[in-house]
Amino acid sequence: MPRRIARVAGAVAGVLLLVGLINGVLFSAVLDMLDASYRQADALIPPDMQPPQAVDSPGSAQSLVA
């Protein structure tokens, strides 16, 4: 019986270690890649561009989404 418990505990520890590595490495790399692509897309917007004037448009002074 202790051998069976050790195998289950080892498998659980291995899965947790794998999930931790994926979350720490892969997830971080994906977020860095997305951040770089959004930075490039944001650079295409001219800095002197006026915000929208329509009340229902995101980014307007009355909008809750800034």
N, C-alpha and C. Protein backbone atom coordinates (compact mmCIF):
# COMPACT_ATOMS: atom_id res chain seq x y z
N MET A 1 0.80 -1.20 0.00
CA MET A 1 0.00 0.00 0.00
C MET A 1 0.85 1.27 0.00
N PRO A 2 1.94 1.38 0.76
CA PRO A 2 2.74 2.61 0.74
C PRO A 2 3.37 2.89 -0.63
N ARG A 3 3.66 1.83 -1.39
CA ARG A 3 4.23 2.02 -2.71
C ARG A 3 3.22 2.70 -3.65
N ARG A 4 1.96 2.32 -3.53
CA ARG A 4 0.90 2.91 -4.34
C ARG A 4 0.72 4.39 -3.98
N ILE A 5 0.76 4.71 -2.72
CA ILE A 5 0.64 6.10 -2.27
C ILE A 5 1.82 6.93 -2.76
N ALA A 6 3.01 6.34 -2.74
CA ALA A 6 4.21 7.04 -3.21
C ALA A 6 4.11 7.33 -4.71
N ARG A 7 3.59 6.40 -5.47
CA ARG A 7 3.43 6.63 -6.91
C ARG A 7 2.42 7.74 -7.19
N VAL A 8 1.31 7.71 -6.48
CA VAL A 8 0.30 8.76 -6.67
C VAL A 8 0.86 10.11 -6.24
N ALA A 9 1.55 10.16 -5.12
CA ALA A 9 2.13 11.42 -4.65
C ALA A 9 3.19 11.92 -5.64
N GLY A 10 3.98 11.02 -6.19
CA GLY A 10 4.98 11.41 -7.18
C GLY A 10 4.35 11.93 -8.46
N ALA A 11 3.27 11.28 -8.90
CA ALA A 11 2.58 11.74 -10.10
C ALA A 11 1.96 13.12 -9.88
N VAL A 12 1.35 13.32 -8.72
CA VAL A 12 0.76 14.62 -8.40
C VAL A 12 1.84 15.69 -8.34
N ALA A 13 2.97 15.37 -7.71
CA ALA A 13 4.07 16.34 -7.63
C ALA A 13 4.62 16.66 -9.02
N GLY A 14 4.72 15.64 -9.87
CA GLY A 14 5.20 15.87 -11.23
C GLY A 14 4.26 16.75 -12.04
N VAL A 15 2.97 16.50 -11.91
CA VAL A 15 1.98 17.32 -12.63
C VAL A 15 2.03 18.76 -12.12
N LEU A 16 2.10 18.93 -10.81
CA LEU A 16 2.18 20.29 -10.25
C LEU A 16 3.45 21.01 -10.70
N LEU A 17 4.56 20.30 -10.77
CA LEU A 17 5.80 20.90 -11.25
C LEU A 17 5.68 21.29 -12.72
N LEU A 18 5.08 20.44 -13.53
CA LEU A 18 4.89 20.73 -14.94
C LEU A 18 3.98 21.95 -15.13
N VAL A 19 2.89 22.00 -14.40
CA VAL A 19 1.96 23.13 -14.49
C VAL A 19 2.66 24.41 -14.04
N GLY A 20 3.46 24.32 -13.00
CA GLY A 20 4.20 25.49 -12.53
C GLY A 20 5.19 26.00 -13.56
N LEU A 21 5.87 25.09 -14.23
CA LEU A 21 6.80 25.49 -15.28
C LEU A 21 6.09 26.13 -16.46
N ILE A 22 4.96 25.53 -16.85
CA ILE A 22 4.20 26.08 -17.97
C ILE A 22 3.69 27.47 -17.62
N ASN A 23 3.15 27.63 -16.42
CA ASN A 23 2.64 28.94 -16.01
C ASN A 23 3.77 29.96 -15.89
N GLY A 24 4.90 29.55 -15.40
CA GLY A 24 5.99 30.49 -15.18
C GLY A 24 6.75 30.84 -16.44
N VAL A 25 6.95 29.89 -17.32
CA VAL A 25 7.79 30.12 -18.50
C VAL A 25 6.95 30.39 -19.74
N LEU A 26 6.09 29.46 -20.08
CA LEU A 26 5.31 29.58 -21.31
C LEU A 26 4.34 30.76 -21.23
N PHE A 27 3.64 30.88 -20.13
CA PHE A 27 2.67 31.96 -19.97
C PHE A 27 3.37 33.31 -20.01
N SER A 28 4.52 33.42 -19.38
CA SER A 28 5.28 34.66 -19.37
C SER A 28 5.76 35.01 -20.78
N ALA A 29 6.21 34.02 -21.53
CA ALA A 29 6.67 34.26 -22.90
C ALA A 29 5.53 34.72 -23.79
N VAL A 30 4.36 34.13 -23.63
CA VAL A 30 3.20 34.53 -24.43
C VAL A 30 2.80 35.97 -24.08
N LEU A 31 2.79 36.30 -22.81
CA LEU A 31 2.44 37.67 -22.42
C LEU A 31 3.45 38.68 -22.94
N ASP A 32 4.73 38.35 -22.92
CA ASP A 32 5.75 39.24 -23.47
C ASP A 32 5.56 39.44 -24.97
N MET A 33 5.22 38.37 -25.69
CA MET A 33 5.00 38.47 -27.12
C MET A 33 3.78 39.34 -27.42
N LEU A 34 2.70 39.14 -26.68
CA LEU A 34 1.50 39.96 -26.89
C LEU A 34 1.76 41.43 -26.55
N ASP A 35 2.51 41.67 -25.49
CA ASP A 35 2.84 43.04 -25.10
C ASP A 35 3.63 43.74 -26.20
N ALA A 36 4.57 43.03 -26.80
CA ALA A 36 5.37 43.62 -27.88
C ALA A 36 4.51 43.93 -29.11
N SER A 37 3.58 43.03 -29.43
CA SER A 37 2.73 43.28 -30.60
C SER A 37 1.77 44.44 -30.35
N TYR A 38 1.23 44.55 -29.13
CA TYR A 38 0.34 45.67 -28.82
C TYR A 38 1.13 46.99 -28.80
N ARG A 39 2.38 46.94 -28.38
CA ARG A 39 3.22 48.14 -28.38
C ARG A 39 3.45 48.64 -29.81
N GLN A 40 3.66 47.69 -30.74
CA GLN A 40 3.84 48.06 -32.15
C GLN A 40 2.55 48.62 -32.73
N ALA A 41 1.42 48.03 -32.39
CA ALA A 41 0.13 48.53 -32.89
C ALA A 41 -0.16 49.91 -32.31
N ASP A 42 0.19 50.14 -31.06
CA ASP A 42 -0.03 51.44 -30.43
C ASP A 42 0.86 52.51 -31.05
N ALA A 43 2.03 52.13 -31.54
CA ALA A 43 2.94 53.10 -32.16
C ALA A 43 2.40 53.60 -33.49
N LEU A 44 1.44 52.89 -34.09
CA LEU A 44 0.86 53.32 -35.36
C LEU A 44 -0.14 54.48 -35.18
N ILE A 45 -0.60 54.70 -33.96
CA ILE A 45 -1.56 55.79 -33.69
C ILE A 45 -0.77 57.08 -33.49
N PRO A 46 -1.05 58.10 -34.29
CA PRO A 46 -0.31 59.35 -34.13
C PRO A 46 -0.57 59.99 -32.76
N PRO A 47 0.47 60.52 -32.12
CA PRO A 47 0.30 61.09 -30.77
C PRO A 47 -0.60 62.33 -30.75
N ASP A 48 -0.71 63.05 -31.87
CA ASP A 48 -1.53 64.26 -31.88
C ASP A 48 -2.97 63.98 -32.31
N MET A 49 -3.36 62.73 -32.41
CA MET A 49 -4.72 62.37 -32.81
C MET A 49 -5.70 62.73 -31.69
N GLN A 50 -6.79 63.40 -32.06
CA GLN A 50 -7.79 63.81 -31.09
C GLN A 50 -8.63 62.62 -30.64
N PRO A 51 -9.03 62.58 -29.37
CA PRO A 51 -9.91 61.51 -28.91
C PRO A 51 -11.29 61.64 -29.54
N PRO A 52 -12.06 60.57 -29.60
CA PRO A 52 -13.39 60.64 -30.20
C PRO A 52 -14.29 61.61 -29.43
N GLN A 53 -15.20 62.24 -30.16
CA GLN A 53 -16.12 63.20 -29.55
C GLN A 53 -17.48 62.58 -29.24
N ALA A 54 -17.82 61.47 -29.89
CA ALA A 54 -19.11 60.83 -29.67
C ALA A 54 -19.18 60.28 -28.25
N VAL A 55 -20.32 60.49 -27.59
CA VAL A 55 -20.49 60.10 -26.19
C VAL A 55 -20.37 58.59 -26.01
N ASP A 56 -20.84 57.82 -26.98
CA ASP A 56 -20.85 56.37 -26.84
C ASP A 56 -19.59 55.68 -27.37
N SER A 57 -18.58 56.44 -27.74
CA SER A 57 -17.33 55.87 -28.26
C SER A 57 -16.32 55.68 -27.14
N PRO A 58 -15.61 54.53 -27.10
CA PRO A 58 -14.56 54.35 -26.11
C PRO A 58 -13.46 55.37 -26.32
N GLY A 59 -12.98 55.95 -25.25
CA GLY A 59 -11.92 56.94 -25.33
C GLY A 59 -12.42 58.37 -25.28
N SER A 60 -13.73 58.57 -25.39
CA SER A 60 -14.26 59.95 -25.31
C SER A 60 -14.25 60.38 -23.83
N ALA A 61 -14.45 61.66 -23.63
CA ALA A 61 -14.41 62.20 -22.25
C ALA A 61 -15.55 61.64 -21.40
N GLN A 62 -16.69 61.32 -22.00
CA GLN A 62 -17.83 60.82 -21.25
C GLN A 62 -17.82 59.29 -21.09
N SER A 63 -16.95 58.63 -21.80
CA SER A 63 -16.91 57.17 -21.76
C SER A 63 -16.30 56.67 -20.47
N LEU A 64 -16.80 55.54 -20.01
CA LEU A 64 -16.22 54.90 -18.82
C LEU A 64 -14.97 54.10 -19.18
N VAL A 65 -14.78 53.83 -20.48
CA VAL A 65 -13.61 53.10 -20.96
C VAL A 65 -12.61 54.13 -21.46
N ALA A 66 -11.51 54.28 -20.75
CA ALA A 66 -10.52 55.29 -21.13
C ALA A 66 -9.34 54.67 -21.81
